[in-house]
Amino acid sequence: MNLKNLMMKQLNSIVFLIGIILALNANAQITIEKSDMPSPGNMIRTSTGLNVDFINYQETGEDYVWDFSQLTPISQSVDTFVGMSDVPFYIYFYFLSDANLALKGNITIPIPNYPISKQFSLFKNTSSNYNNAGDSYTISGIPIPLKYNSPDVLYRFPMEYGNEGNSFAEYAIGLDNIGYINKKIGRTNIVDGWGNLTTPYGTFDVLRIKSEVTEYDSIYVDSLGIGFPLYREYTEYSWLGKNQKLPLLKIVSSFGGAIATYVDSVRSLLAINNVNASAAFKVNVFPNPTSDIVNITTQTNTTSKISIYIYDSNGRLVASRNTGLYNSGKVDASLSLRELGLKNGVYFLKITNKNSLDVKRIVLY
């Protein structure tokens, strides 16, 4: 064999080996680490999708293929992460050794005389864990830190197929002349699959983590004698990819049904019932989940008719209500979902005025 033929044979062998290695890597599971989690400055857009009931999201395994390409996005939001230097100093000081990342909140509970809003969720990202350390609420303009006695461990690193873990977290605080806030959350995690995920956003190599969660939340206002207790048991299915910061897809399943949220690009959304979504106005819906009554508060800049449309998880219109004409400012409405004939499940409320709309998902149990 001459030298040229020998070199060609060796080259062919190398190319063959490279092909085998690439093929093996293409079908190998990924590993999720600290660097794959959010960082200060990350702004991540997510969509809420319909058609979950037509997908067998519980199925999993090794080298599994999940196809969620048929999800229909109906609303979008943006998660904004900031560093601890961007939170109020008192919150920064209180979480000094327990958090290094914050997610801006947008939850408001419009209780008369005591407006309560969730200002931040606090996290700690380390080489071994990604933890939820607690929350910061603003009550009557005052930031109140609520730190778990031990963190809610969302992920453990390096995350690989077969990993398991659990955690229990609780915080409670009594505020003089105001009331009481308490939260408990127990979590059991198992990485129960790996493979390939497709959503309307694209196709990715992923790990799938299943979380069984029990959660108890309670807010009580002394002066009003009003409490908002809530106990839930639910399952979270999360698909995580390399350097994606948030789960590429998360499906939360409970007795009321399933809700899908996934990382997405900016879309010109067609809202439920093919009505074009325009500039959203501020809408709050509480309590959520609810056993019957749901309260709706909107903030609008124009005098207009506020209409409420309720759709099931398949996008079918099941009820509607015209609340009449209102002046600029806050508009309050209360609905009895049971009187509307609704059964337990996940629903979407489309709240509209002349120029704007917003879509909120609710759970009736």
Foldseek 3Di string as FASTA:
>chain_A
DDPVVVVVVVVVVVVVVVVVVVVVVQQDADWDWLLLADDAADKFKKFWWFPPVVAPVVDAAGQDEGEAAPTAGADMDIKHKHFLVPDPPVQCVVCVPPFGMKIAFAAWDPDPPWTKTWGIFTWHGDRFFIWGQFTWMAIPNRIDTWGWPDTFTPDTPRDDAFDKDKDKTKTKDADPQFWIKIKIKIKIKHQHHWHWYQYNAGIATWTKMKMWMWMWIKTATVVVRDMDIDIFTWMKIFTGGGNNNGGQWIWIQGPAGIIIMGGHDDDQHQHQPRDGADDAWDKHWDDFQDQWKIKIKTADAAWWKKKKWKAASNRHTQDIDTPDTDGGGIDMDMGGVVVSVDDFHKMWIWIDTDGHIDIDIGTHD
